[in-house]
């Protein structure tokens, strides 16, 4: 929360920028993610290779620096881990405020990196094997703030952007590595 307040204060004290001179974009992406560590929530193996939806808004302060926000959502279902968990449903929603820096590599290709503060809300529903065939319901919800960061390669053609990026997102139980293909429109 402290980091978000610092970002808001910095934005409020930045010299006034005309909206007509701004460069804004909105993008939509799909990500494949893998967990970085094993989760202890239901004693199951890490959830791997699932799709994530994302929407990102970016406001360019100048040619190098931008600020933005991103929402991403993912769901995993019917996962049976090697430790005996059954019928797991996992939902994750994340909202991130971030700062981004980009550099022109060659022609219309840009490299970029960003760091931000994420608010993540996740819910796990499933069953654990206690003894033999006895199943006990297990439910866990968590939410909180964490840091996320990423790097990417972007191609800009007139008002269309195509990007490939890698993002690291920490949650309370599972740290995710997301590889995303993103399509955006600049306006």
Foldseek 3Di string as FASTA:
>chain_A
DVVVVVVVVVVVPDPDDDPVPKKKKKKKKKKFKWWPDAFPQQPFGTDGGFIKIKMKIWIAPDPFKIKIKMKMKTWDFQDAGPQGKGTKIKIKIKMWIKMKTWDDDDDQKIKMKMKTKMKMKMKMWTWHDDPDNDTDIGIDIDIDIDMKMKIWMWGDDPFKIWIWMWMWADDPGTIMIITMIMIMGMD
